[in-house]
Amino acid sequence: MGREAGVDAGSRRRHPPAQSRPRAGPSRLFAVHPHLQFKLLFLDCGLYKVVRICLENFWPRLIPGGVLILDNFNHETSPGETKAVRELLPGKSNRSFGFAHQPTGYLIKD
């Protein structure tokens, strides 16, 4: 028997269609778990809006000395990632990995 759309196979309970469920995201995550902090963040998005939302929500929770790794920073295929970082973290020094094509950069939080 195959899985039916919208059915949890363990309980056979019907879930509402994806369109009617509340959107998951960082703001919802931190509303439920406000205590969370991070030592390492790895963003592999490339899209301006997604990176911006992630930075707005995760950067304040990155501990001092924590590392933000950016998969597509300053990469021609994903200019949105660079734009979001420069807008939200102006003056932060981006470092690069000299040994890899990607990830392309990282920041260490002061």
C-alpha atoms as a PDB file:
ATOM      1  CA  MET A   1       0.000   0.000   0.000  1.00  0.00           C
ATOM      2  CA  GLY A   2       1.487   3.379  -1.014  1.00  0.00           C
ATOM      3  CA  ARG A   3       1.426   6.531   1.039  1.00  0.00           C
ATOM      4  CA  GLU A   4      -1.572   8.721   0.467  1.00  0.00           C
ATOM      5  CA  ALA A   5      -1.015  12.453   0.046  1.00  0.00           C
ATOM      6  CA  GLY A   6      -1.594  14.279   3.305  1.00  0.00           C
ATOM      7  CA  VAL A   7      -1.727  11.116   5.412  1.00  0.00           C
ATOM      8  CA  ASP A   8       0.673  10.199   8.197  1.00  0.00           C
ATOM      9  CA  ALA A   9       1.293   6.490   7.627  1.00  0.00           C
ATOM     10  CA  GLY A  10       1.888   5.799  11.333  1.00  0.00           C
ATOM     11  CA  SER A  11      -1.365   7.211  12.658  1.00  0.00           C
ATOM     12  CA  ARG A  12      -3.383   7.369   9.429  1.00  0.00           C
ATOM     13  CA  ARG A  13      -4.303  10.872  10.537  1.00  0.00           C
ATOM     14  CA  ARG A  14      -5.099  13.359   7.805  1.00  0.00           C
ATOM     15  CA  HIS A  15      -3.050  16.552   7.659  1.00  0.00           C
ATOM     16  CA  PRO A  16      -4.304  19.745   6.024  1.00  0.00           C
ATOM     17  CA  PRO A  17      -2.977  20.449   2.541  1.00  0.00           C
ATOM     18  CA  ALA A  18       0.403  22.236   2.480  1.00  0.00           C
ATOM     19  CA  GLN A  19      -1.212  25.503   1.336  1.00  0.00           C
ATOM     20  CA  SER A  20      -3.315  25.774   4.497  1.00  0.00           C
ATOM     21  CA  ARG A  21      -0.569  24.878   6.999  1.00  0.00           C
ATOM     22  CA  PRO A  22       1.238  27.722   8.761  1.00  0.00           C
ATOM     23  CA  ARG A  23       4.501  28.490   7.006  1.00  0.00           C
ATOM     24  CA  ALA A  24       7.539  27.156   8.742  1.00  0.00           C
ATOM     25  CA  GLY A  25      10.477  29.475   9.008  1.00  0.00           C
ATOM     26  CA  PRO A  26      13.011  30.999  11.352  1.00  0.00           C
ATOM     27  CA  SER A  27      10.572  33.388  13.029  1.00  0.00           C
ATOM     28  CA  ARG A  28       8.228  30.516  13.849  1.00  0.00           C
ATOM     29  CA  LEU A  29      11.118  28.335  14.996  1.00  0.00           C
ATOM     30  CA  PHE A  30      12.433  31.004  17.373  1.00  0.00           C
ATOM     31  CA  ALA A  31       8.956  31.823  18.664  1.00  0.00           C
ATOM     32  CA  VAL A  32       8.702  28.216  19.830  1.00  0.00           C
ATOM     33  CA  HIS A  33      12.387  27.890  20.878  1.00  0.00           C
ATOM     34  CA  PRO A  34      13.620  31.378  21.868  1.00  0.00           C
ATOM     35  CA  HIS A  35      16.618  29.933  23.757  1.00  0.00           C
ATOM     36  CA  LEU A  36      18.399  28.582  20.657  1.00  0.00           C
ATOM     37  CA  GLN A  37      21.900  29.840  19.863  1.00  0.00           C
ATOM     38  CA  PHE A  38      24.420  28.647  17.305  1.00  0.00           C
ATOM     39  CA  LYS A  39      28.184  28.246  16.919  1.00  0.00           C
ATOM     40  CA  LEU A  40      28.092  27.499  13.204  1.00  0.00           C
ATOM     41  CA  LEU A  41      25.718  28.568  10.430  1.00  0.00           C
ATOM     42  CA  PHE A  42      26.035  27.283   6.873  1.00  0.00           C
ATOM     43  CA  LEU A  43      23.933  29.106   4.285  1.00  0.00           C
ATOM     44  CA  ASP A  44      23.554  27.365   0.945  1.00  0.00           C
ATOM     45  CA  CYS A  45      20.704  29.389  -0.524  1.00  0.00           C
ATOM     46  CA  GLY A  46      22.009  31.964  -2.970  1.00  0.00           C
ATOM     47  CA  LEU A  47      18.657  33.747  -3.169  1.00  0.00           C
ATOM     48  CA  TYR A  48      18.514  37.303  -1.826  1.00  0.00           C
ATOM     49  CA  LYS A  49      15.192  37.008   0.015  1.00  0.00           C
ATOM     50  CA  VAL A  50      16.054  33.671   1.643  1.00  0.00           C
ATOM     51  CA  VAL A  51      19.534  34.796   2.725  1.00  0.00           C
ATOM     52  CA  ARG A  52      18.147  38.070   4.071  1.00  0.00           C
ATOM     53  CA  ILE A  53      15.493  36.292   6.182  1.00  0.00           C
ATOM     54  CA  CYS A  54      18.082  33.810   7.452  1.00  0.00           C
ATOM     55  CA  LEU A  55      20.548  36.548   8.390  1.00  0.00           C
ATOM     56  CA  GLU A  56      17.871  38.634  10.131  1.00  0.00           C
ATOM     57  CA  ASN A  57      16.883  35.655  12.263  1.00  0.00           C
ATOM     58  CA  PHE A  58      20.054  33.615  12.716  1.00  0.00           C
ATOM     59  CA  TRP A  59      22.844  36.241  12.945  1.00  0.00           C
ATOM     60  CA  PRO A  60      21.608  37.622  16.300  1.00  0.00           C
ATOM     61  CA  ARG A  61      21.652  34.039  17.644  1.00  0.00           C
ATOM     62  CA  LEU A  62      25.178  33.285  16.438  1.00  0.00           C
ATOM     63  CA  ILE A  63      27.434  33.432  19.487  1.00  0.00           C
ATOM     64  CA  PRO A  64      30.548  35.660  19.565  1.00  0.00           C
ATOM     65  CA  GLY A  65      33.309  33.743  17.831  1.00  0.00           C
ATOM     66  CA  GLY A  66      30.680  31.793  15.866  1.00  0.00           C
ATOM     67  CA  VAL A  67      31.201  31.169  12.164  1.00  0.00           C
ATOM     68  CA  LEU A  68      28.837  31.918   9.273  1.00  0.00           C
ATOM     69  CA  ILE A  69      29.784  29.929   6.150  1.00  0.00           C
ATOM     70  CA  LEU A  70      28.441  31.221   2.838  1.00  0.00           C
ATOM     71  CA  ASP A  71      28.284  28.793  -0.053  1.00  0.00           C
ATOM     72  CA  ASN A  72      27.790  31.374  -2.797  1.00  0.00           C
ATOM     73  CA  PHE A  73      29.229  34.658  -1.471  1.00  0.00           C
ATOM     74  CA  ASN A  74      30.702  36.807  -4.247  1.00  0.00           C
ATOM     75  CA  HIS A  75      29.834  34.128  -6.790  1.00  0.00           C
ATOM     76  CA  GLU A  76      28.461  35.122 -10.188  1.00  0.00           C
ATOM     77  CA  THR A  77      25.682  32.533 -10.053  1.00  0.00           C
ATOM     78  CA  SER A  78      24.149  33.955  -6.851  1.00  0.00           C
ATOM     79  CA  PRO A  79      24.549  37.725  -6.532  1.00  0.00           C
ATOM     80  CA  GLY A  80      21.636  37.856  -4.078  1.00  0.00           C
ATOM     81  CA  GLU A  81      23.660  36.212  -1.323  1.00  0.00           C
ATOM     82  CA  THR A  82      26.395  38.837  -1.572  1.00  0.00           C
ATOM     83  CA  LYS A  83      23.848  41.678  -1.700  1.00  0.00           C
ATOM     84  CA  ALA A  84      22.025  40.465   1.435  1.00  0.00           C
ATOM     85  CA  VAL A  85      25.245  40.019   3.417  1.00  0.00           C
ATOM     86  CA  ARG A  86      26.536  43.460   2.456  1.00  0.00           C
ATOM     87  CA  GLU A  87      23.213  45.110   3.341  1.00  0.00           C
ATOM     88  CA  LEU A  88      22.702  43.390   6.698  1.00  0.00           C
ATOM     89  CA  LEU A  89      26.312  43.010   7.819  1.00  0.00           C
ATOM     90  CA  PRO A  90      28.058  46.109   6.477  1.00  0.00           C
ATOM     91  CA  GLY A  91      31.699  46.364   7.407  1.00  0.00           C
ATOM     92  CA  LYS A  92      32.023  42.687   8.284  1.00  0.00           C
ATOM     93  CA  SER A  93      35.172  41.181   6.847  1.00  0.00           C
ATOM     94  CA  ASN A  94      34.475  38.222   4.580  1.00  0.00           C
ATOM     95  CA  ARG A  95      37.194  35.608   4.470  1.00  0.00           C
ATOM     96  CA  SER A  96      37.622  33.078   1.727  1.00  0.00           C
ATOM     97  CA  PHE A  97      38.569  29.450   1.528  1.00  0.00           C
ATOM     98  CA  GLY A  98      41.635  29.270  -0.683  1.00  0.00           C
ATOM     99  CA  PHE A  99      41.352  25.533  -1.152  1.00  0.00           C
ATOM    100  CA  ALA A 100      37.775  25.177  -2.425  1.00  0.00           C
ATOM    101  CA  HIS A 101      35.524  26.379  -5.227  1.00  0.00           C
ATOM    102  CA  GLN A 102      32.567  26.353  -2.815  1.00  0.00           C
ATOM    103  CA  PRO A 103      31.827  27.304  -0.096  1.00  0.00           C
ATOM    104  CA  THR A 104      33.210  30.649  -1.138  1.00  0.00           C
ATOM    105  CA  GLY A 105      33.489  32.528   2.134  1.00  0.00           C
ATOM    106  CA  TYR A 106      32.927  32.827   5.837  1.00  0.00           C
ATOM    107  CA  LEU A 107      32.536  35.450   8.560  1.00  0.00           C
ATOM    108  CA  ILE A 108      33.471  35.202  12.222  1.00  0.00           C
ATOM    109  CA  LYS A 109      31.162  37.093  14.563  1.00  0.00           C
ATOM    110  CA  ASP A 110      32.915  39.508  16.940  1.00  0.00           C
END
